[in-house]
Amino acid sequence: MLTKLKQLSIVTMAATNKLISYQSMQTELDIPNVRELEDLIIECIYAGLLKGKLDQMNMKLEVHEVVARDVKPGQLELMAGMLMQWCDTSSNLLAAL
């Protein structure tokens, strides 16, 4: 259970930062050594929670993609608007065919 919570914490950090230092993750997750942190990050990648690259030389995680955890209430209106725009565009395209 603790591992899953740490994975979700990495996902949360990755959603706002595309370059995360090992030090900040170790502090946030209370992980004492780099090996344990890298193993946890690799588990996140294999689980499909994020796509990225471990930069062992600079001790950073470079995030390419991350799954969304939650939809915040303010985001629902934006998503609905985007879907409506997509529907309108699709309808116009179908009408043109």
PDB file of N, CA and C in Angstrom:
ATOM      1  N   MET A   1       0.821  -1.190   0.000  1.00  0.00           N
ATOM      2  CA  MET A   1       0.000   0.000   0.000  1.00  0.00           C
ATOM      3  C   MET A   1       0.869   1.259   0.000  1.00  0.00           C
ATOM      4  N   LEU A   2       1.936   1.238   0.784  1.00  0.00           N
ATOM      5  CA  LEU A   2       2.824   2.397   0.852  1.00  0.00           C
ATOM      6  C   LEU A   2       3.496   2.644  -0.495  1.00  0.00           C
ATOM      7  N   THR A   3       3.830   1.572  -1.205  1.00  0.00           N
ATOM      8  CA  THR A   3       4.456   1.713  -2.523  1.00  0.00           C
ATOM      9  C   THR A   3       3.513   2.424  -3.486  1.00  0.00           C
ATOM     10  N   LYS A   4       2.228   2.052  -3.467  1.00  0.00           N
ATOM     11  CA  LYS A   4       1.254   2.687  -4.359  1.00  0.00           C
ATOM     12  C   LYS A   4       1.108   4.171  -4.038  1.00  0.00           C
ATOM     13  N   LEU A   5       1.129   4.521  -2.768  1.00  0.00           N
ATOM     14  CA  LEU A   5       1.041   5.933  -2.384  1.00  0.00           C
ATOM     15  C   LEU A   5       2.266   6.704  -2.869  1.00  0.00           C
ATOM     16  N   LYS A   6       3.422   6.078  -2.795  1.00  0.00           N
ATOM     17  CA  LYS A   6       4.642   6.727  -3.287  1.00  0.00           C
ATOM     18  C   LYS A   6       4.586   6.880  -4.799  1.00  0.00           C
ATOM     19  N   GLN A   7       4.042   5.878  -5.495  1.00  0.00           N
ATOM     20  CA  GLN A   7       3.890   5.983  -6.945  1.00  0.00           C
ATOM     21  C   GLN A   7       2.955   7.132  -7.308  1.00  0.00           C
ATOM     22  N   LEU A   8       1.850   7.254  -6.584  1.00  0.00           N
ATOM     23  CA  LEU A   8       0.914   8.358  -6.833  1.00  0.00           C
ATOM     24  C   LEU A   8       1.559   9.703  -6.539  1.00  0.00           C
ATOM     25  N   SER A   9       2.422   9.751  -5.554  1.00  0.00           N
ATOM     26  CA  SER A   9       3.138  10.998  -5.251  1.00  0.00           C
ATOM     27  C   SER A   9       4.069  11.373  -6.397  1.00  0.00           C
ATOM     28  N   ILE A  10       4.731  10.380  -6.982  1.00  0.00           N
ATOM     29  CA  ILE A  10       5.599  10.647  -8.135  1.00  0.00           C
ATOM     30  C   ILE A  10       4.762  11.164  -9.303  1.00  0.00           C
ATOM     31  N   VAL A  11       3.596  10.560  -9.524  1.00  0.00           N
ATOM     32  CA  VAL A  11       2.704  11.009 -10.594  1.00  0.00           C
ATOM     33  C   VAL A  11       2.281  12.456 -10.371  1.00  0.00           C
ATOM     34  N   THR A  12       1.966  12.800  -9.140  1.00  0.00           N
ATOM     35  CA  THR A  12       1.576  14.175  -8.816  1.00  0.00           C
ATOM     36  C   THR A  12       2.708  15.144  -9.097  1.00  0.00           C
ATOM     37  N   MET A  13       3.925  14.785  -8.688  1.00  0.00           N
ATOM     38  CA  MET A  13       5.078  15.650  -8.952  1.00  0.00           C
ATOM     39  C   MET A  13       5.331  15.776 -10.450  1.00  0.00           C
ATOM     40  N   ALA A  14       5.196  14.663 -11.171  1.00  0.00           N
ATOM     41  CA  ALA A  14       5.473  14.645 -12.607  1.00  0.00           C
ATOM     42  C   ALA A  14       4.434  15.431 -13.404  1.00  0.00           C
ATOM     43  N   ALA A  15       3.239  15.581 -12.851  1.00  0.00           N
ATOM     44  CA  ALA A  15       2.190  16.317 -13.554  1.00  0.00           C
ATOM     45  C   ALA A  15       2.505  17.809 -13.635  1.00  0.00           C
ATOM     46  N   THR A  16       3.279  18.311 -12.700  1.00  0.00           N
ATOM     47  CA  THR A  16       3.588  19.749 -12.677  1.00  0.00           C
ATOM     48  C   THR A  16       5.038  20.069 -13.019  1.00  0.00           C
ATOM     49  N   ASN A  17       5.909  19.069 -12.958  1.00  0.00           N
ATOM     50  CA  ASN A  17       7.330  19.291 -13.232  1.00  0.00           C
ATOM     51  C   ASN A  17       7.811  18.275 -14.249  1.00  0.00           C
ATOM     52  N   LYS A  18       8.420  18.736 -15.305  1.00  0.00           N
ATOM     53  CA  LYS A  18       8.926  17.831 -16.332  1.00  0.00           C
ATOM     54  C   LYS A  18      10.368  17.405 -16.070  1.00  0.00           C
ATOM     55  N   LEU A  19      11.014  18.033 -15.122  1.00  0.00           N
ATOM     56  CA  LEU A  19      12.363  17.671 -14.719  1.00  0.00           C
ATOM     57  C   LEU A  19      12.400  17.699 -13.191  1.00  0.00           C
ATOM     58  N   ILE A  20      12.544  16.519 -12.588  1.00  0.00           N
ATOM     59  CA  ILE A  20      12.463  16.408 -11.129  1.00  0.00           C
ATOM     60  C   ILE A  20      13.784  15.842 -10.608  1.00  0.00           C
ATOM     61  N   SER A  21      14.355  16.513  -9.644  1.00  0.00           N
ATOM     62  CA  SER A  21      15.618  16.032  -9.080  1.00  0.00           C
ATOM     63  C   SER A  21      15.378  14.829  -8.166  1.00  0.00           C
ATOM     64  N   TYR A  22      16.344  13.937  -8.154  1.00  0.00           N
ATOM     65  CA  TYR A  22      16.262  12.794  -7.252  1.00  0.00           C
ATOM     66  C   TYR A  22      16.151  13.272  -5.808  1.00  0.00           C
ATOM     67  N   GLN A  23      16.902  14.326  -5.485  1.00  0.00           N
ATOM     68  CA  GLN A  23      16.925  14.831  -4.112  1.00  0.00           C
ATOM     69  C   GLN A  23      15.523  15.238  -3.654  1.00  0.00           C
ATOM     70  N   SER A  24      14.793  15.963  -4.515  1.00  0.00           N
ATOM     71  CA  SER A  24      13.453  16.409  -4.115  1.00  0.00           C
ATOM     72  C   SER A  24      12.512  15.214  -3.958  1.00  0.00           C
ATOM     73  N   MET A  25      12.651  14.207  -4.818  1.00  0.00           N
ATOM     74  CA  MET A  25      11.807  13.012  -4.684  1.00  0.00           C
ATOM     75  C   MET A  25      12.167  12.223  -3.432  1.00  0.00           C
ATOM     76  N   GLN A  26      13.464  12.101  -3.158  1.00  0.00           N
ATOM     77  CA  GLN A  26      13.876  11.379  -1.955  1.00  0.00           C
ATOM     78  C   GLN A  26      13.350  12.058  -0.700  1.00  0.00           C
ATOM     79  N   THR A  27      13.394  13.381  -0.693  1.00  0.00           N
ATOM     80  CA  THR A  27      12.903  14.126   0.464  1.00  0.00           C
ATOM     81  C   THR A  27      11.390  13.971   0.600  1.00  0.00           C
ATOM     82  N   GLU A  28      10.674  14.180  -0.501  1.00  0.00           N
ATOM     83  CA  GLU A  28       9.212  14.105  -0.504  1.00  0.00           C
ATOM     84  C   GLU A  28       8.711  12.714  -0.126  1.00  0.00           C
ATOM     85  N   LEU A  29       9.397  11.684  -0.620  1.00  0.00           N
ATOM     86  CA  LEU A  29       8.940  10.310  -0.430  1.00  0.00           C
ATOM     87  C   LEU A  29       9.615   9.595   0.738  1.00  0.00           C
ATOM     88  N   ASP A  30      10.552  10.254   1.369  1.00  0.00           N
ATOM     89  CA  ASP A  30      11.293   9.678   2.493  1.00  0.00           C
ATOM     90  C   ASP A  30      11.969   8.366   2.082  1.00  0.00           C
ATOM     91  N   ILE A  31      12.717   8.462   0.980  1.00  0.00           N
ATOM     92  CA  ILE A  31      13.470   7.315   0.472  1.00  0.00           C
ATOM     93  C   ILE A  31      14.950   7.597   0.698  1.00  0.00           C
ATOM     94  N   PRO A  32      15.634   6.732   1.455  1.00  0.00           N
ATOM     95  CA  PRO A  32      17.005   7.033   1.872  1.00  0.00           C
ATOM     96  C   PRO A  32      18.081   6.914   0.791  1.00  0.00           C
ATOM     97  N   ASN A  33      17.869   6.043  -0.217  1.00  0.00           N
ATOM     98  CA  ASN A  33      18.949   5.867  -1.186  1.00  0.00           C
ATOM     99  C   ASN A  33      18.441   5.944  -2.622  1.00  0.00           C
ATOM    100  N   VAL A  34      19.360   6.241  -3.517  1.00  0.00           N
ATOM    101  CA  VAL A  34      19.044   6.447  -4.931  1.00  0.00           C
ATOM    102  C   VAL A  34      18.552   5.159  -5.578  1.00  0.00           C
ATOM    103  N   ARG A  35      19.131   4.051  -5.240  1.00  0.00           N
ATOM    104  CA  ARG A  35      18.739   2.767  -5.846  1.00  0.00           C
ATOM    105  C   ARG A  35      17.254   2.474  -5.604  1.00  0.00           C
ATOM    106  N   GLU A  36      16.805   2.673  -4.384  1.00  0.00           N
ATOM    107  CA  GLU A  36      15.401   2.433  -4.049  1.00  0.00           C
ATOM    108  C   GLU A  36      14.484   3.396  -4.816  1.00  0.00           C
ATOM    109  N   LEU A  37      14.918   4.648  -4.952  1.00  0.00           N
ATOM    110  CA  LEU A  37      14.141   5.636  -5.704  1.00  0.00           C
ATOM    111  C   LEU A  37      14.050   5.242  -7.172  1.00  0.00           C
ATOM    112  N   GLU A  38      15.174   4.864  -7.776  1.00  0.00           N
ATOM    113  CA  GLU A  38      15.172   4.475  -9.184  1.00  0.00           C
ATOM    114  C   GLU A  38      14.299   3.243  -9.408  1.00  0.00           C
ATOM    115  N   ASP A  39      14.319   2.303  -8.488  1.00  0.00           N
ATOM    116  CA  ASP A  39      13.458   1.124  -8.604  1.00  0.00           C
ATOM    117  C   ASP A  39      11.980   1.533  -8.597  1.00  0.00           C
ATOM    118  N   LEU A  40      11.625   2.467  -7.738  1.00  0.00           N
ATOM    119  CA  LEU A  40      10.250   2.943  -7.660  1.00  0.00           C
ATOM    120  C   LEU A  40       9.842   3.665  -8.951  1.00  0.00           C
ATOM    121  N   ILE A  41      10.730   4.477  -9.486  1.00  0.00           N
ATOM    122  CA  ILE A  41      10.446   5.185 -10.742  1.00  0.00           C
ATOM    123  C   ILE A  41      10.270   4.184 -11.882  1.00  0.00           C
ATOM    124  N   ILE A  42      11.131   3.173 -11.924  1.00  0.00           N
ATOM    125  CA  ILE A  42      11.031   2.147 -12.960  1.00  0.00           C
ATOM    126  C   ILE A  42       9.703   1.399 -12.848  1.00  0.00           C
ATOM    127  N   GLU A  43       9.259   1.117 -11.631  1.00  0.00           N
ATOM    128  CA  GLU A  43       7.958   0.484 -11.430  1.00  0.00           C
ATOM    129  C   GLU A  43       6.839   1.367 -11.983  1.00  0.00           C
ATOM    130  N   CYS A  44       6.951   2.677 -11.782  1.00  0.00           N
ATOM    131  CA  CYS A  44       5.954   3.618 -12.310  1.00  0.00           C
ATOM    132  C   CYS A  44       5.928   3.581 -13.838  1.00  0.00           C
ATOM    133  N   ILE A  45       7.100   3.502 -14.428  1.00  0.00           N
ATOM    134  CA  ILE A  45       7.192   3.457 -15.892  1.00  0.00           C
ATOM    135  C   ILE A  45       6.590   2.154 -16.410  1.00  0.00           C
ATOM    136  N   TYR A  46       6.939   1.022 -15.807  1.00  0.00           N
ATOM    137  CA  TYR A  46       6.397  -0.271 -16.234  1.00  0.00           C
ATOM    138  C   TYR A  46       4.892  -0.352 -16.031  1.00  0.00           C
ATOM    139  N   ALA A  47       4.378   0.319 -14.999  1.00  0.00           N
ATOM    140  CA  ALA A  47       2.931   0.319 -14.729  1.00  0.00           C
ATOM    141  C   ALA A  47       2.175   1.248 -15.673  1.00  0.00           C
ATOM    142  N   GLY A  48       2.903   2.018 -16.482  1.00  0.00           N
ATOM    143  CA  GLY A  48       2.255   2.924 -17.428  1.00  0.00           C
ATOM    144  C   GLY A  48       1.800   4.227 -16.805  1.00  0.00           C
ATOM    145  N   LEU A  49       2.294   4.532 -15.619  1.00  0.00           N
ATOM    146  CA  LEU A  49       1.900   5.767 -14.941  1.00  0.00           C
ATOM    147  C   LEU A  49       2.594   6.987 -15.529  1.00  0.00           C
ATOM    148  N   LEU A  50       3.782   6.776 -16.053  1.00  0.00           N
ATOM    149  CA  LEU A  50       4.501   7.876 -16.688  1.00  0.00           C
ATOM    150  C   LEU A  50       5.467   7.341 -17.720  1.00  0.00           C
ATOM    151  N   LYS A  51       5.862   8.203 -18.613  1.00  0.00           N
ATOM    152  CA  LYS A  51       6.919   7.903 -19.576  1.00  0.00           C
ATOM    153  C   LYS A  51       7.992   8.937 -19.345  1.00  0.00           C
ATOM    154  N   GLY A  52       9.212   8.480 -19.286  1.00  0.00           N
ATOM    155  CA  GLY A  52      10.299   9.411 -19.026  1.00  0.00           C
ATOM    156  C   GLY A  52      11.643   8.722 -19.102  1.00  0.00           C
ATOM    157  N   LYS A  53      12.651   9.446 -18.685  1.00  0.00           N
ATOM    158  CA  LYS A  53      14.019   8.949 -18.763  1.00  0.00           C
ATOM    159  C   LYS A  53      14.737   9.272 -17.460  1.00  0.00           C
ATOM    160  N   LEU A  54      15.452   8.286 -16.941  1.00  0.00           N
ATOM    161  CA  LEU A  54      16.272   8.505 -15.760  1.00  0.00           C
ATOM    162  C   LEU A  54      17.618   9.077 -16.207  1.00  0.00           C
ATOM    163  N   ASP A  55      17.947  10.238 -15.709  1.00  0.00           N
ATOM    164  CA  ASP A  55      19.246  10.851 -15.993  1.00  0.00           C
ATOM    165  C   ASP A  55      20.112  10.619 -14.762  1.00  0.00           C
ATOM    166  N   GLN A  56      20.821   9.492 -14.774  1.00  0.00           N
ATOM    167  CA  GLN A  56      21.601   9.105 -13.604  1.00  0.00           C
ATOM    168  C   GLN A  56      22.799  10.021 -13.382  1.00  0.00           C
ATOM    169  N   MET A  57      23.338  10.574 -14.451  1.00  0.00           N
ATOM    170  CA  MET A  57      24.495  11.448 -14.307  1.00  0.00           C
ATOM    171  C   MET A  57      24.119  12.734 -13.546  1.00  0.00           C
ATOM    172  N   ASN A  58      22.980  13.331 -13.920  1.00  0.00           N
ATOM    173  CA  ASN A  58      22.541  14.581 -13.278  1.00  0.00           C
ATOM    174  C   ASN A  58      21.549  14.335 -12.148  1.00  0.00           C
ATOM    175  N   MET A  59      21.240  13.057 -11.892  1.00  0.00           N
ATOM    176  CA  MET A  59      20.325  12.655 -10.830  1.00  0.00           C
ATOM    177  C   MET A  59      18.973  13.371 -10.945  1.00  0.00           C
ATOM    178  N   LYS A  60      18.348  13.200 -12.116  1.00  0.00           N
ATOM    179  CA  LYS A  60      17.045  13.801 -12.379  1.00  0.00           C
ATOM    180  C   LYS A  60      16.172  12.821 -13.148  1.00  0.00           C
ATOM    181  N   LEU A  61      14.866  12.999 -13.010  1.00  0.00           N
ATOM    182  CA  LEU A  61      13.891  12.282 -13.819  1.00  0.00           C
ATOM    183  C   LEU A  61      13.359  13.260 -14.845  1.00  0.00           C
ATOM    184  N   GLU A  62      13.488  12.905 -16.114  1.00  0.00           N
ATOM    185  CA  GLU A  62      12.959  13.721 -17.202  1.00  0.00           C
ATOM    186  C   GLU A  62      11.615  13.106 -17.611  1.00  0.00           C
ATOM    187  N   VAL A  63      10.536  13.836 -17.374  1.00  0.00           N
ATOM    188  CA  VAL A  63       9.181  13.331 -17.623  1.00  0.00           C
ATOM    189  C   VAL A  63       8.741  13.712 -19.029  1.00  0.00           C
ATOM    190  N   HIS A  64       8.294  12.706 -19.790  1.00  0.00           N
ATOM    191  CA  HIS A  64       7.773  12.950 -21.132  1.00  0.00           C
ATOM    192  C   HIS A  64       6.249  12.979 -21.126  1.00  0.00           C
ATOM    193  N   GLU A  65       5.638  12.040 -20.415  1.00  0.00           N
ATOM    194  CA  GLU A  65       4.180  11.960 -20.294  1.00  0.00           C
ATOM    195  C   GLU A  65       3.833  11.446 -18.910  1.00  0.00           C
ATOM    196  N   VAL A  66       2.651  11.808 -18.453  1.00  0.00           N
ATOM    197  CA  VAL A  66       2.176  11.316 -17.159  1.00  0.00           C
ATOM    198  C   VAL A  66       0.658  11.152 -17.235  1.00  0.00           C
ATOM    199  N   VAL A  67       0.148  10.108 -16.567  1.00  0.00           N
ATOM    200  CA  VAL A  67      -1.296   9.912 -16.542  1.00  0.00           C
ATOM    201  C   VAL A  67      -1.925  10.960 -15.626  1.00  0.00           C
ATOM    202  N   ALA A  68      -3.169  11.286 -15.897  1.00  0.00           N
ATOM    203  CA  ALA A  68      -3.883  12.245 -15.049  1.00  0.00           C
ATOM    204  C   ALA A  68      -4.432  11.516 -13.828  1.00  0.00           C
ATOM    205  N   ARG A  69      -4.306  12.128 -12.694  1.00  0.00           N
ATOM    206  CA  ARG A  69      -4.824  11.520 -11.465  1.00  0.00           C
ATOM    207  C   ARG A  69      -6.275  11.887 -11.242  1.00  0.00           C
ATOM    208  N   ASP A  70      -6.554  13.162 -11.183  1.00  0.00           N
ATOM    209  CA  ASP A  70      -7.893  13.643 -10.863  1.00  0.00           C
ATOM    210  C   ASP A  70      -8.271  14.760 -11.815  1.00  0.00           C
ATOM    211  N   VAL A  71      -9.561  14.937 -11.981  1.00  0.00           N
ATOM    212  CA  VAL A  71     -10.069  16.084 -12.725  1.00  0.00           C
ATOM    213  C   VAL A  71     -10.604  17.065 -11.695  1.00  0.00           C
ATOM    214  N   LYS A  72     -10.045  18.246 -11.698  1.00  0.00           N
ATOM    215  CA  LYS A  72     -10.471  19.271 -10.746  1.00  0.00           C
ATOM    216  C   LYS A  72     -11.770  19.902 -11.248  1.00  0.00           C
ATOM    217  N   PRO A  73     -12.625  20.382 -10.356  1.00  0.00           N
ATOM    218  CA  PRO A  73     -13.916  20.945 -10.768  1.00  0.00           C
ATOM    219  C   PRO A  73     -13.811  22.019 -11.848  1.00  0.00           C
ATOM    220  N   GLY A  74     -12.837  22.883 -11.792  1.00  0.00           N
ATOM    221  CA  GLY A  74     -12.689  23.937 -12.790  1.00  0.00           C
ATOM    222  C   GLY A  74     -12.312  23.408 -14.168  1.00  0.00           C
ATOM    223  N   GLN A  75     -11.758  22.220 -14.224  1.00  0.00           N
ATOM    224  CA  GLN A  75     -11.336  21.637 -15.486  1.00  0.00           C
ATOM    225  C   GLN A  75     -12.497  21.019 -16.262  1.00  0.00           C
ATOM    226  N   LEU A  76     -13.599  20.705 -15.587  1.00  0.00           N
ATOM    227  CA  LEU A  76     -14.726  20.060 -16.256  1.00  0.00           C
ATOM    228  C   LEU A  76     -15.334  20.958 -17.328  1.00  0.00           C
ATOM    229  N   GLU A  77     -15.484  22.228 -17.032  1.00  0.00           N
ATOM    230  CA  GLU A  77     -16.047  23.158 -18.015  1.00  0.00           C
ATOM    231  C   GLU A  77     -15.135  23.266 -19.238  1.00  0.00           C
ATOM    232  N   LEU A  78     -13.844  23.333 -19.017  1.00  0.00           N
ATOM    233  CA  LEU A  78     -12.887  23.397 -20.116  1.00  0.00           C
ATOM    234  C   LEU A  78     -12.971  22.135 -20.979  1.00  0.00           C
ATOM    235  N   MET A  79     -13.028  20.979 -20.330  1.00  0.00           N
ATOM    236  CA  MET A  79     -13.126  19.723 -21.062  1.00  0.00           C
ATOM    237  C   MET A  79     -14.425  19.648 -21.862  1.00  0.00           C
ATOM    238  N   ALA A  80     -15.523  20.072 -21.258  1.00  0.00           N
ATOM    239  CA  ALA A  80     -16.813  20.057 -21.949  1.00  0.00           C
ATOM    240  C   ALA A  80     -16.770  20.973 -23.169  1.00  0.00           C
ATOM    241  N   GLY A  81     -16.150  22.134 -23.027  1.00  0.00           N
ATOM    242  CA  GLY A  81     -16.018  23.068 -24.143  1.00  0.00           C
ATOM    243  C   GLY A  81     -15.193  22.490 -25.277  1.00  0.00           C
ATOM    244  N   MET A  82     -14.117  21.823 -24.924  1.00  0.00           N
ATOM    245  CA  MET A  82     -13.265  21.209 -25.943  1.00  0.00           C
ATOM    246  C   MET A  82     -14.009  20.078 -26.668  1.00  0.00           C
ATOM    247  N   LEU A  83     -14.783  19.303 -25.917  1.00  0.00           N
ATOM    248  CA  LEU A  83     -15.557  18.227 -26.534  1.00  0.00           C
ATOM    249  C   LEU A  83     -16.645  18.783 -27.452  1.00  0.00           C
ATOM    250  N   MET A  84     -17.285  19.871 -27.041  1.00  0.00           N
ATOM    251  CA  MET A  84     -18.298  20.501 -27.891  1.00  0.00           C
ATOM    252  C   MET A  84     -17.670  21.020 -29.182  1.00  0.00           C
ATOM    253  N   GLN A  85     -16.504  21.618 -29.063  1.00  0.00           N
ATOM    254  CA  GLN A  85     -15.792  22.111 -30.240  1.00  0.00           C
ATOM    255  C   GLN A  85     -15.432  20.946 -31.169  1.00  0.00           C
ATOM    256  N   TRP A  86     -14.993  19.838 -30.595  1.00  0.00           N
ATOM    257  CA  TRP A  86     -14.666  18.656 -31.382  1.00  0.00           C
ATOM    258  C   TRP A  86     -15.910  18.123 -32.097  1.00  0.00           C
ATOM    259  N   CYS A  87     -17.049  18.094 -31.387  1.00  0.00           N
ATOM    260  CA  CYS A  87     -18.300  17.633 -31.992  1.00  0.00           C
ATOM    261  C   CYS A  87     -18.699  18.532 -33.165  1.00  0.00           C
ATOM    262  N   ASP A  88     -18.588  19.840 -32.974  1.00  0.00           N
ATOM    263  CA  ASP A  88     -18.932  20.785 -34.043  1.00  0.00           C
ATOM    264  C   ASP A  88     -18.026  20.581 -35.259  1.00  0.00           C
ATOM    265  N   THR A  89     -16.737  20.425 -35.012  1.00  0.00           N
ATOM    266  CA  THR A  89     -15.778  20.214 -36.097  1.00  0.00           C
ATOM    267  C   THR A  89     -16.083  18.910 -36.826  1.00  0.00           C
ATOM    268  N   SER A  90     -16.392  17.858 -36.072  1.00  0.00           N
ATOM    269  CA  SER A  90     -16.722  16.567 -36.675  1.00  0.00           C
ATOM    270  C   SER A  90     -17.995  16.649 -37.505  1.00  0.00           C
ATOM    271  N   SER A  91     -18.990  17.352 -36.995  1.00  0.00           N
ATOM    272  CA  SER A  91     -20.251  17.521 -37.734  1.00  0.00           C
ATOM    273  C   SER A  91     -20.020  18.269 -39.034  1.00  0.00           C
ATOM    274  N   ASN A  92     -19.225  19.330 -38.975  1.00  0.00           N
ATOM    275  CA  ASN A  92     -18.909  20.109 -40.184  1.00  0.00           C
ATOM    276  C   ASN A  92     -18.152  19.257 -41.194  1.00  0.00           C
ATOM    277  N   LEU A  93     -17.247  18.436 -40.712  1.00  0.00           N
ATOM    278  CA  LEU A  93     -16.484  17.559 -41.596  1.00  0.00           C
ATOM    279  C   LEU A  93     -17.402  16.535 -42.268  1.00  0.00           C
ATOM    280  N   LEU A  94     -18.291  15.944 -41.495  1.00  0.00           N
ATOM    281  CA  LEU A  94     -19.229  14.977 -42.059  1.00  0.00           C
ATOM    282  C   LEU A  94     -20.166  15.621 -43.072  1.00  0.00           C
ATOM    283  N   ALA A  95     -20.591  16.827 -42.804  1.00  0.00           N
ATOM    284  CA  ALA A  95     -21.472  17.550 -43.721  1.00  0.00           C
ATOM    285  C   ALA A  95     -20.736  17.856 -45.034  1.00  0.00           C
ATOM    286  N   ALA A  96     -19.449  18.123 -44.957  1.00  0.00           N
ATOM    287  CA  ALA A  96     -18.672  18.449 -46.146  1.00  0.00           C
ATOM    288  C   ALA A  96     -18.420  17.203 -47.012  1.00  0.00           C
ATOM    289  N   LEU A  97     -18.455  16.039 -46.393  1.00  0.00           N
ATOM    290  CA  LEU A  97     -18.236  14.793 -47.142  1.00  0.00           C
ATOM    291  C   LEU A  97     -19.497  14.429 -47.857  1.00  0.00           C
TER     292      LEU A  97
END
